[in-house]
Amino acid sequence: MEYVIEMLNITKEFPGIKANDSVTLQVKKGEIHALLGENGAGKSTLMSILFGLYQPDSGIIKVRGKEVKIKDPNDANALGIGMVHQHFKLVSNFTVTENIILGKEDVKNGLLRTERVVTKIKHLSDKYKLNVDPYALISDITVGMQQRVEILKMLYRDAEILIFDEPTAVLTPQEISELMKVMKDLVKEGKSIILITHKLEEIKQVADRCTILRKGKWVGTVDVKGTSTERMAEMMVGRRVIFRIDKEKGKPGGEILKVQNLSIKNGDKYTLHKVNFTVRKGEIVCIAGIEGNGQSELIYSLTGLNPHYEGKITLNGKDITHESIRGRILSGMGHIPEDRHRHGLILDFNLAENLILQTYFSKHYQWKGFLNFDNIYRNANQLIEKYDIRSGRGPYTKVRSMSGGNQQKTIIAREIDREPELLIAVQPTRGLDVGAIEFIHRQLIIHRDNNKAVLLVSLELDEVMKLSDRILVMYEGEIVANLDPYKTNENELGLYMAGSKRGEVENA
């Protein structure tokens, strides 16, 4: 059997953690090979070794049958290996073309040969149906388009082996299906793809074989067609995973959040227009919609991240329209943000410090301006155990060095542990494995059942249908439907989300 990539008995240790423990991965030419594992299982570390970002402590790498040493990404590129990272490596104020050629500029007599470059980019874009404008600024294009730029970057460098690290974590359902088509087209052209993902349905959709890691160790490599999602989930987590959510119908009580005529005007256009709704104790209200229809603006207004809006917001009977972010937190609001790096964590603080970001000034954690480190670290150890947060050095771990899923668990632990009257959860399971998703869904339902309110924003229709007690659909900055999840379906929901249908929203 001829393999295009062989990683044999790869071991890599970091302080306090064995990220890869004698892992073997063998990829055939012309296949989509999925790499599956829980958050922190060692998937990204293994691919970072293949791409030259890390050096293995032991083990052998073979490319097309020959043993190689990959010292840095330039070596990887020279061997025809490219990588699309989970957090894109793009310069936002450069154009698409400038980003693609960065580090591999086509120069003659000290001048960039832009026309030749643009011609090649257009050819690749057309060939793989990527539809990317070479002259667009990165800051002006959608996240889905930015990902296509990353793919073009690899193709421009003539990559034959393409690594995708959690490629669908930030995409809408439509962009995901388009990406799947692109991947299939790439494989038809003779490329080989390694797909790092937690999403079992995506593996079923596009992958030929799947290698599963658990806690840094190789568990097995399976043929995707002949293996059920339940079996793959069990191999990944080490126990049976329950995909359905057991929850009783909500018993809504008093009003916690009331939003009246909330509007944001951007130039001549409203990005939010006269939004009215309530959220009550004991219910999960979900805001559904395709990304870019005003959900982010709504959440930034509610949490105080963007104080420039018209209208009125009442929390627990108190007018918080002009309240500061801390004032809103102290009034009973919790927030799991959409962008965990930008709004959820201080990456260079350790885990214990991140777990008290909203409470460090309370008497429990400080006295006369001096922090009480005993209580801070005691709190961290309790939350690490309760929420299964995995890190190399426990509460002393720098959050920057943790896996994305464990960073997300850190935010969820901090926000839910404060028991806010209103928990605003934006994409709370984005980028998480099935075991972690199951755990977080359970935490949200427990929060609701403790007579608290949850406002959930999700792009995952499956999550919307399973968790919600009520669904509010947003389209072009307005709420266009107020639906009962027990009386609707994904198809009808999709019509409202696409703007093809409008419903009664008087009593949202």
Protein backbone atom coordinates (compact mmCIF):
# COMPACT_ATOMS: atom_id res chain seq x y z
CA MET A 1 0.00 0.00 0.00
CA GLU A 2 1.42 3.37 -1.03
CA TYR A 3 0.72 6.17 1.44
CA VAL A 4 1.23 9.84 0.58
CA ILE A 5 1.77 10.65 4.30
CA GLU A 6 2.98 8.35 7.07
CA MET A 7 3.46 9.58 10.61
CA LEU A 8 4.82 6.61 12.57
CA ASN A 9 4.90 6.44 16.39
CA ILE A 10 4.95 10.23 16.82
CA THR A 11 5.45 11.43 20.41
CA LYS A 12 5.36 15.06 21.55
CA GLU A 13 5.43 16.29 25.14
CA PHE A 14 4.77 19.75 26.56
CA PRO A 15 5.28 20.69 30.23
CA GLY A 16 2.84 18.55 32.20
CA ILE A 17 1.14 16.92 29.19
CA LYS A 18 1.89 14.26 26.56
CA ALA A 19 0.03 15.73 23.59
CA ASN A 20 0.90 12.84 21.25
CA ASP A 21 1.81 9.42 22.64
CA SER A 22 3.22 7.12 19.93
CA VAL A 23 0.57 8.11 17.35
CA THR A 24 0.48 6.61 13.85
CA LEU A 25 -1.38 8.22 10.93
CA GLN A 26 -1.29 6.88 7.35
CA VAL A 27 -3.00 8.79 4.53
CA LYS A 28 -3.60 7.36 1.06
CA LYS A 29 -3.24 9.43 -2.10
CA GLY A 30 -6.54 10.91 -3.29
CA GLU A 31 -8.52 10.35 -0.08
CA ILE A 32 -10.17 12.60 2.48
CA HIS A 33 -8.82 11.27 5.78
CA ALA A 34 -10.57 12.58 8.89
CA LEU A 35 -8.73 13.06 12.18
CA LEU A 36 -11.23 12.80 15.02
CA GLY A 37 -10.80 13.36 18.74
CA GLU A 38 -12.03 15.27 21.78
CA ASN A 39 -10.81 18.79 22.53
CA GLY A 40 -7.21 18.41 23.65
CA ALA A 41 -6.84 14.88 22.18
CA GLY A 42 -3.71 15.96 20.26
CA LYS A 43 -5.11 16.41 16.72
CA SER A 44 -3.84 19.96 16.11
CA THR A 45 -0.47 19.11 17.69
CA LEU A 46 -0.04 16.17 15.31
CA MET A 47 -0.87 18.35 12.29
CA SER A 48 1.37 21.15 13.56
CA ILE A 49 4.22 18.59 13.57
CA LEU A 50 3.39 17.60 9.98
CA PHE A 51 3.35 21.29 8.98
CA GLY A 52 6.69 22.00 10.69
CA LEU A 53 5.36 24.23 13.49
CA TYR A 54 6.53 21.72 16.14
CA GLN A 55 9.27 19.09 16.16
CA PRO A 56 8.40 15.57 17.37
CA ASP A 57 10.29 14.18 20.38
CA SER A 58 10.36 10.79 18.63
CA GLY A 59 8.87 9.05 15.61
CA ILE A 60 9.25 9.12 11.83
CA ILE A 61 7.50 11.13 9.09
CA LYS A 62 7.42 9.81 5.52
CA VAL A 63 6.10 11.78 2.54
CA ARG A 64 5.46 9.70 -0.61
CA GLY A 65 7.45 6.83 0.91
CA LYS A 66 10.58 8.85 1.77
CA GLU A 67 11.58 9.71 5.33
CA VAL A 68 11.73 13.51 5.82
CA LYS A 69 12.58 16.09 8.47
CA ILE A 70 10.15 19.03 8.42
CA LYS A 71 11.88 21.84 10.30
CA ASP A 72 9.43 24.65 9.46
CA PRO A 73 6.39 25.47 7.27
CA ASN A 74 8.67 26.34 4.34
CA ASP A 75 9.92 22.72 4.37
CA ALA A 76 6.28 21.56 4.48
CA ASN A 77 5.38 23.80 1.52
CA ALA A 78 8.37 22.47 -0.43
CA LEU A 79 7.02 18.93 0.13
CA GLY A 80 3.59 20.00 -1.15
CA ILE A 81 1.93 20.21 2.27
CA GLY A 82 -0.44 23.13 3.00
CA MET A 83 -2.59 23.95 6.03
CA VAL A 84 -5.71 26.00 6.72
CA HIS A 85 -5.55 26.83 10.43
CA GLN A 86 -8.58 27.03 12.73
CA HIS A 87 -7.82 30.72 13.35
CA PHE A 88 -6.98 32.11 9.91
CA LYS A 89 -3.51 33.57 9.28
CA LEU A 90 -4.57 36.57 7.18
CA VAL A 91 -3.62 40.27 7.26
CA SER A 92 -6.98 42.06 7.41
CA ASN A 93 -5.92 45.33 5.73
CA PHE A 94 -4.24 43.51 2.79
CA THR A 95 -6.09 42.42 -0.35
CA VAL A 96 -6.84 38.79 -1.20
CA THR A 97 -3.92 38.76 -3.68
CA GLU A 98 -1.46 40.30 -1.22
CA ASN A 99 -2.36 37.66 1.37
CA ILE A 100 -2.03 34.79 -1.09
CA ILE A 101 1.45 35.76 -2.31
CA LEU A 102 2.81 36.85 1.08
CA GLY A 103 6.16 35.09 1.50
CA LYS A 104 6.11 33.81 -2.11
CA GLU A 105 6.07 37.03 -4.09
CA ASP A 106 6.55 36.99 -7.89
CA VAL A 107 9.16 39.75 -8.38
CA LYS A 108 11.11 41.05 -11.39
CA ASN A 109 13.69 43.83 -11.01
CA GLY A 110 12.37 44.53 -7.52
CA LEU A 111 8.76 44.99 -8.72
CA LEU A 112 5.77 42.74 -8.04
CA ARG A 113 4.36 41.12 -11.18
CA THR A 114 0.81 41.60 -10.02
CA GLU A 115 -0.92 40.82 -13.33
CA ARG A 116 0.70 37.37 -13.61
CA VAL A 117 -0.21 36.65 -9.99
CA VAL A 118 -3.85 37.76 -10.39
CA THR A 119 -4.17 35.64 -13.57
CA LYS A 120 -2.98 32.54 -11.67
CA ILE A 121 -5.29 33.28 -8.71
CA LYS A 122 -8.29 33.75 -11.06
CA HIS A 123 -7.44 30.48 -12.84
CA LEU A 124 -7.27 28.55 -9.54
CA SER A 125 -10.42 30.26 -8.23
CA ASP A 126 -12.36 29.27 -11.38
CA LYS A 127 -10.92 25.74 -11.54
CA TYR A 128 -12.03 24.92 -7.98
CA LYS A 129 -15.22 27.06 -8.11
CA LEU A 130 -14.05 29.28 -5.21
CA ASN A 131 -15.41 32.57 -6.67
CA VAL A 132 -12.91 34.80 -4.85
CA ASP A 133 -12.31 38.42 -5.90
CA PRO A 134 -8.48 38.90 -6.01
CA TYR A 135 -8.79 42.66 -5.35
CA ALA A 136 -11.11 42.51 -2.29
CA LEU A 137 -9.80 43.58 1.12
CA ILE A 138 -9.81 40.77 3.70
CA SER A 139 -11.60 43.06 6.19
CA ASP A 140 -14.50 43.45 3.70
CA ILE A 141 -15.22 39.77 3.00
CA THR A 142 -17.13 37.14 4.99
CA VAL A 143 -15.49 34.49 7.17
CA GLY A 144 -16.45 31.83 4.58
CA MET A 145 -14.67 33.82 1.86
CA GLN A 146 -11.61 34.30 4.10
CA GLN A 147 -11.40 30.53 4.39
CA ARG A 148 -11.45 30.25 0.59
CA VAL A 149 -8.51 32.68 0.50
CA GLU A 150 -6.64 30.30 2.84
CA ILE A 151 -7.42 27.43 0.45
CA LEU A 152 -6.17 29.49 -2.51
CA LYS A 153 -3.00 30.26 -0.54
CA MET A 154 -2.28 26.52 -0.39
CA LEU A 155 -3.15 25.92 -4.05
CA TYR A 156 -1.02 28.89 -5.16
CA ARG A 157 1.94 27.16 -3.48
CA ASP A 158 1.13 23.95 -5.42
CA ALA A 159 0.15 21.98 -2.31
CA GLU A 160 -0.88 18.37 -2.99
CA ILE A 161 -1.58 17.43 0.65
CA LEU A 162 -4.08 19.80 2.27
CA ILE A 163 -4.68 19.96 6.03
CA PHE A 164 -7.97 21.54 7.20
CA ASP A 165 -8.07 22.27 10.95
CA GLU A 166 -11.71 22.56 12.15
CA PRO A 167 -12.69 24.21 8.84
CA THR A 168 -16.42 24.50 9.54
CA ALA A 169 -16.26 25.92 13.08
CA VAL A 170 -17.04 29.47 11.92
CA LEU A 171 -19.18 28.78 8.83
CA THR A 172 -22.93 28.98 8.19
CA PRO A 173 -24.77 25.79 7.08
CA GLN A 174 -24.74 27.05 3.46
CA GLU A 175 -20.98 27.77 3.55
CA ILE A 176 -20.35 24.32 5.06
CA SER A 177 -22.09 22.52 2.19
CA GLU A 178 -20.15 24.69 -0.31
CA LEU A 179 -16.87 23.81 1.43
CA MET A 180 -17.73 20.09 1.25
CA LYS A 181 -18.20 20.44 -2.54
CA VAL A 182 -14.84 22.23 -2.81
CA MET A 183 -13.12 19.43 -0.88
CA LYS A 184 -14.62 16.76 -3.14
CA ASP A 185 -13.47 18.73 -6.23
CA LEU A 186 -9.94 18.99 -4.80
CA VAL A 187 -9.77 15.22 -4.28
CA LYS A 188 -11.06 14.60 -7.84
CA GLU A 189 -8.05 16.62 -9.04
CA GLY A 190 -5.73 14.20 -7.23
CA LYS A 191 -5.15 16.13 -4.00
CA SER A 192 -5.14 14.36 -0.62
CA ILE A 193 -6.93 15.96 2.35
CA ILE A 194 -6.55 15.57 6.11
CA LEU A 195 -9.66 16.93 7.84
CA ILE A 196 -9.50 17.70 11.58
CA THR A 197 -13.02 17.88 12.96
CA HIS A 198 -15.34 16.96 15.83
CA LYS A 199 -18.42 16.85 13.61
CA LEU A 200 -19.36 13.26 12.94
CA GLU A 201 -21.99 14.11 10.31
CA GLU A 202 -19.33 15.97 8.27
CA ILE A 203 -17.00 12.96 8.45
CA LYS A 204 -19.87 10.77 7.22
CA GLN A 205 -20.53 13.24 4.40
CA VAL A 206 -17.03 13.57 2.91
CA ALA A 207 -14.38 11.34 4.50
CA ASP A 208 -13.16 7.97 3.21
CA ARG A 209 -11.31 6.86 6.36
CA CYS A 210 -11.02 8.23 9.88
CA THR A 211 -8.23 8.02 12.48
CA ILE A 212 -9.41 8.52 16.06
CA LEU A 213 -7.27 9.90 18.91
CA ARG A 214 -8.12 9.92 22.61
CA LYS A 215 -6.01 11.67 25.28
CA GLY A 216 -3.01 11.79 22.93
CA LYS A 217 -3.15 8.11 21.95
CA TRP A 218 -4.14 6.37 18.70
CA VAL A 219 -7.43 4.49 19.20
CA GLY A 220 -8.01 3.16 15.68
CA THR A 221 -8.45 3.90 11.98
CA VAL A 222 -11.85 2.99 10.52
CA ASP A 223 -13.57 2.91 7.14
CA VAL A 224 -16.19 5.67 7.38
CA LYS A 225 -18.88 4.02 5.24
CA GLY A 226 -18.86 0.87 7.37
CA THR A 227 -18.78 2.60 10.79
CA SER A 228 -21.74 4.25 12.53
CA THR A 229 -21.52 7.75 14.04
CA GLU A 230 -22.39 6.19 17.42
CA ARG A 231 -19.38 3.85 17.18
CA MET A 232 -17.01 6.68 16.17
CA ALA A 233 -18.31 8.84 19.04
CA GLU A 234 -17.75 6.00 21.50
CA MET A 235 -14.18 5.46 20.24
CA MET A 236 -13.51 9.18 20.55
CA VAL A 237 -14.94 9.77 24.03
CA GLY A 238 -14.38 6.33 25.58
CA ARG A 239 -18.05 5.88 26.52
CA ARG A 240 -21.48 5.84 24.92
CA VAL A 241 -22.63 9.31 23.87
CA ILE A 242 -26.32 10.19 24.05
CA PHE A 243 -27.21 12.29 21.00
CA ARG A 244 -30.77 13.12 22.03
CA ILE A 245 -31.43 15.72 24.73
CA ASP A 246 -33.69 14.65 27.59
CA LYS A 247 -35.51 17.76 28.72
CA GLU A 248 -38.98 18.38 30.01
CA LYS A 249 -41.07 21.18 28.55
CA GLY A 250 -40.14 24.54 30.11
CA LYS A 251 -42.28 26.14 32.79
CA PRO A 252 -41.81 29.86 32.10
CA GLY A 253 -42.23 32.21 35.06
CA GLY A 254 -41.73 35.95 35.50
CA GLU A 255 -40.12 38.21 32.91
CA ILE A 256 -36.33 38.55 33.22
CA LEU A 257 -35.39 40.42 30.02
CA LYS A 258 -37.55 42.90 28.13
CA VAL A 259 -36.29 44.49 24.90
CA GLN A 260 -38.29 47.39 23.45
CA ASN A 261 -37.82 48.98 20.03
CA LEU A 262 -34.09 48.22 19.90
CA SER A 263 -32.57 49.79 16.77
CA ILE A 264 -29.09 50.49 15.41
CA LYS A 265 -28.60 52.72 12.40
CA ASN A 266 -25.44 52.42 10.33
CA GLY A 267 -25.41 55.33 7.89
CA ASP A 268 -28.76 55.19 6.05
CA LYS A 269 -29.36 51.52 6.87
CA TYR A 270 -30.72 49.88 10.00
CA THR A 271 -28.67 46.84 11.09
CA LEU A 272 -31.26 46.35 13.86
CA HIS A 273 -34.79 47.65 13.43
CA LYS A 274 -37.41 47.91 16.20
CA VAL A 275 -36.60 44.60 17.86
CA ASN A 276 -39.08 43.67 20.63
CA PHE A 277 -39.07 40.47 22.71
CA THR A 278 -38.99 39.08 26.24
CA VAL A 279 -37.23 36.18 27.95
CA ARG A 280 -38.77 34.68 31.09
CA LYS A 281 -37.49 32.60 34.00
CA GLY A 282 -37.39 28.89 33.28
CA GLU A 283 -37.13 29.11 29.50
CA ILE A 284 -34.49 28.89 26.77
CA VAL A 285 -35.25 31.37 24.00
CA CYS A 286 -33.15 30.87 20.88
CA ILE A 287 -32.32 33.53 18.31
CA ALA A 288 -31.94 31.68 15.01
CA GLY A 289 -30.83 33.10 11.68
CA ILE A 290 -28.15 33.03 9.03
CA GLU A 291 -24.99 34.82 10.20
CA GLY A 292 -24.98 38.56 9.51
CA ASN A 293 -28.68 39.24 10.06
CA GLY A 294 -28.29 41.38 13.17
CA GLN A 295 -27.62 38.71 15.82
CA SER A 296 -24.17 40.11 16.73
CA GLU A 297 -25.50 43.69 16.89
CA LEU A 298 -28.34 42.56 19.15
CA ILE A 299 -26.00 40.74 21.57
CA TYR A 300 -23.46 43.61 21.61
CA SER A 301 -26.32 45.96 22.56
CA LEU A 302 -27.69 43.69 25.31
CA THR A 303 -24.25 43.09 26.87
CA GLY A 304 -23.05 46.69 26.57
CA LEU A 305 -20.23 45.89 24.11
CA ASN A 306 -21.87 48.41 21.76
CA PRO A 307 -23.69 51.12 23.73
CA HIS A 308 -24.78 53.05 20.59
CA TYR A 309 -28.40 52.07 20.07
CA GLU A 310 -31.96 53.35 20.40
CA GLY A 311 -34.63 51.65 22.49
CA LYS A 312 -34.94 50.28 26.00
CA ILE A 313 -33.52 47.18 27.76
CA THR A 314 -34.92 46.01 31.11
CA LEU A 315 -33.27 43.24 33.17
CA ASN A 316 -35.07 41.88 36.23
CA GLY A 317 -37.31 44.97 36.31
CA LYS A 318 -34.33 47.37 36.22
CA ASP A 319 -33.68 49.70 33.25
CA ILE A 320 -30.12 48.86 32.11
CA THR A 321 -30.27 50.78 28.80
CA HIS A 322 -27.41 53.08 29.83
CA GLU A 323 -25.70 50.72 32.29
CA SER A 324 -21.97 49.85 32.00
CA ILE A 325 -20.83 46.29 31.19
CA ARG A 326 -19.93 45.67 34.85
CA GLY A 327 -23.29 47.18 35.89
CA ARG A 328 -25.08 44.67 33.65
CA ILE A 329 -23.04 41.78 35.06
CA LEU A 330 -23.85 42.85 38.63
CA SER A 331 -27.53 43.19 37.65
CA GLY A 332 -27.57 39.45 36.85
CA MET A 333 -26.29 38.97 33.29
CA GLY A 334 -23.88 36.28 32.13
CA HIS A 335 -22.36 36.20 28.63
CA ILE A 336 -20.73 33.36 26.67
CA PRO A 337 -19.43 35.44 23.72
CA GLU A 338 -19.26 34.58 20.03
CA ASP A 339 -15.52 35.34 19.81
CA ARG A 340 -13.81 33.66 22.76
CA HIS A 341 -10.41 35.24 22.05
CA ARG A 342 -11.64 38.78 21.61
CA HIS A 343 -14.38 39.03 24.22
CA GLY A 344 -14.13 35.93 26.42
CA LEU A 345 -10.57 35.47 27.64
CA ILE A 346 -7.30 37.23 28.38
CA LEU A 347 -5.03 34.78 26.59
CA ASP A 348 -1.83 35.64 28.47
CA PHE A 349 -3.50 35.28 31.89
CA ASN A 350 -3.56 31.84 33.47
CA LEU A 351 -6.64 29.66 33.86
CA ALA A 352 -7.33 30.65 37.48
CA GLU A 353 -7.14 34.38 36.61
CA ASN A 354 -9.52 33.95 33.66
CA LEU A 355 -12.04 32.19 35.89
CA ILE A 356 -12.48 35.29 38.12
CA LEU A 357 -12.55 38.05 35.50
CA GLN A 358 -16.03 39.20 36.58
CA THR A 359 -15.61 38.61 40.31
CA TYR A 360 -11.98 39.45 41.22
CA PHE A 361 -13.16 42.65 42.97
CA SER A 362 -15.58 40.79 45.29
CA LYS A 363 -14.72 40.35 49.00
CA HIS A 364 -14.16 36.65 48.45
CA TYR A 365 -11.20 37.28 46.10
CA GLN A 366 -9.66 40.52 47.43
CA TRP A 367 -9.20 42.45 50.65
CA LYS A 368 -8.24 46.14 50.64
CA GLY A 369 -7.01 45.81 47.05
CA PHE A 370 -4.89 42.67 47.61
CA LEU A 371 -5.92 39.49 45.80
CA ASN A 372 -6.65 36.38 47.88
CA PHE A 373 -4.74 33.76 45.84
CA ASP A 374 -5.78 30.84 48.08
CA ASN A 375 -9.43 31.44 47.22
CA ILE A 376 -8.64 32.17 43.55
CA TYR A 377 -6.83 28.84 43.06
CA ARG A 378 -9.32 26.90 45.19
CA ASN A 379 -12.11 28.21 42.94
CA ALA A 380 -10.13 27.26 39.81
CA ASN A 381 -9.49 23.69 40.99
CA GLN A 382 -13.20 23.22 41.78
CA LEU A 383 -14.28 24.49 38.33
CA ILE A 384 -11.59 22.48 36.51
CA GLU A 385 -12.94 19.31 38.09
CA LYS A 386 -16.64 20.17 37.71
CA TYR A 387 -16.37 21.20 34.04
CA ASP A 388 -13.58 18.77 33.01
CA ILE A 389 -11.25 21.56 31.81
CA ARG A 390 -8.06 19.91 30.54
CA SER A 391 -4.73 21.71 30.61
CA GLY A 392 -1.03 20.95 31.10
CA ARG A 393 -0.49 22.75 34.41
CA GLY A 394 -3.99 22.99 35.86
CA PRO A 395 -4.91 26.47 37.17
CA TYR A 396 -1.42 27.80 36.33
CA THR A 397 -1.75 27.05 32.59
CA LYS A 398 -1.63 30.05 30.26
CA VAL A 399 -4.99 30.04 28.50
CA ARG A 400 -3.28 30.77 25.16
CA SER A 401 -1.69 27.29 25.23
CA MET A 402 -4.99 25.41 25.79
CA SER A 403 -7.06 23.78 23.04
CA GLY A 404 -10.00 25.80 21.66
CA GLY A 405 -12.53 23.48 23.26
CA ASN A 406 -10.98 23.79 26.70
CA GLN A 407 -10.84 27.58 26.33
CA GLN A 408 -14.59 27.45 25.61
CA LYS A 409 -15.21 25.25 28.68
CA THR A 410 -13.32 27.86 30.77
CA ILE A 411 -15.76 30.61 29.72
CA ILE A 412 -18.80 28.38 30.26
CA ALA A 413 -17.58 27.35 33.74
CA ARG A 414 -17.01 30.99 34.73
CA GLU A 415 -20.34 32.26 33.43
CA ILE A 416 -22.64 29.46 34.63
CA ASP A 417 -20.95 29.19 38.04
CA ARG A 418 -22.00 32.79 38.83
CA GLU A 419 -25.64 31.65 38.39
CA PRO A 420 -26.76 34.74 36.44
CA GLU A 421 -30.49 35.44 36.20
CA LEU A 422 -30.03 35.79 32.41
CA LEU A 423 -27.37 33.75 30.60
CA ILE A 424 -26.67 34.94 27.06
CA ALA A 425 -24.98 32.06 25.22
CA VAL A 426 -23.71 32.80 21.70
CA GLN A 427 -22.60 29.74 19.72
CA PRO A 428 -21.70 28.00 23.02
CA THR A 429 -20.73 24.69 21.37
CA ARG A 430 -18.84 26.10 18.36
CA GLY A 431 -15.73 23.99 17.79
CA LEU A 432 -16.52 21.43 20.52
CA ASP A 433 -16.56 17.63 20.36
CA VAL A 434 -19.71 15.54 20.90
CA GLY A 435 -18.85 14.74 24.52
CA ALA A 436 -18.35 18.42 25.38
CA ILE A 437 -21.50 19.44 23.45
CA GLU A 438 -23.56 16.88 25.39
CA PHE A 439 -22.15 18.28 28.67
CA ILE A 440 -22.80 21.95 27.77
CA HIS A 441 -26.36 21.28 26.56
CA ARG A 442 -27.02 19.61 29.92
CA GLN A 443 -25.59 22.64 31.80
CA LEU A 444 -27.89 25.03 29.86
CA ILE A 445 -30.94 22.91 30.66
CA ILE A 446 -29.94 22.69 34.36
CA HIS A 447 -29.57 26.51 34.38
CA ARG A 448 -33.09 26.83 32.91
CA ASP A 449 -34.48 24.29 35.38
CA ASN A 450 -33.00 26.34 38.25
CA ASN A 451 -35.61 28.97 37.29
CA LYS A 452 -33.09 31.10 35.36
CA ALA A 453 -33.42 32.49 31.81
CA VAL A 454 -31.25 31.53 28.84
CA LEU A 455 -30.97 33.51 25.59
CA LEU A 456 -29.22 31.24 23.09
CA VAL A 457 -27.85 32.33 19.70
CA SER A 458 -27.01 29.42 17.43
CA LEU A 459 -26.44 28.72 13.74
CA GLU A 460 -26.79 24.95 14.31
CA LEU A 461 -30.41 24.12 13.42
CA ASP A 462 -30.14 20.80 15.24
CA GLU A 463 -29.10 22.62 18.44
CA VAL A 464 -31.86 25.21 18.00
CA MET A 465 -34.54 22.52 17.69
CA LYS A 466 -33.26 20.39 20.58
CA LEU A 467 -32.66 23.10 23.20
CA SER A 468 -35.24 25.83 22.63
CA ASP A 469 -38.51 26.45 24.41
CA ARG A 470 -39.15 29.29 21.94
CA ILE A 471 -37.42 30.25 18.69
CA LEU A 472 -37.13 33.85 17.44
CA VAL A 473 -35.91 34.08 13.84
CA MET A 474 -33.90 37.13 12.74
CA TYR A 475 -33.72 38.30 9.16
CA GLU A 476 -32.11 41.57 8.03
CA GLY A 477 -32.10 43.06 11.53
CA GLU A 478 -35.73 42.24 12.38
CA ILE A 479 -37.46 39.44 14.24
CA VAL A 480 -39.61 37.75 11.58
CA ALA A 481 -40.97 34.76 13.54
CA ASN A 482 -41.78 33.61 17.08
CA LEU A 483 -42.01 29.81 16.87
CA ASP A 484 -42.79 26.86 19.11
CA PRO A 485 -40.06 24.19 18.48
CA TYR A 486 -42.65 21.46 19.14
CA LYS A 487 -44.81 22.76 16.29
CA THR A 488 -42.21 23.60 13.62
CA ASN A 489 -39.45 21.78 11.72
CA GLU A 490 -36.02 22.55 10.24
CA ASN A 491 -37.50 23.08 6.78
CA GLU A 492 -39.97 25.77 7.95
CA LEU A 493 -37.25 27.34 10.09
CA GLY A 494 -34.99 27.54 7.02
CA LEU A 495 -37.70 29.42 5.06
CA TYR A 496 -38.00 32.06 7.81
CA MET A 497 -34.18 32.33 8.03
CA ALA A 498 -33.90 32.88 4.27
CA GLY A 499 -36.58 35.63 4.39
CA SER A 500 -39.04 33.61 2.26
CA LYS A 501 -41.64 33.62 5.03
CA ARG A 502 -42.74 35.96 7.82
CA GLY A 503 -44.77 35.08 10.90
CA GLU A 504 -46.71 36.70 13.73
CA VAL A 505 -44.27 38.30 16.17
CA GLU A 506 -46.56 40.49 18.25
CA ASN A 507 -45.94 38.66 21.53
CA ALA A 508 -42.28 37.72 21.16
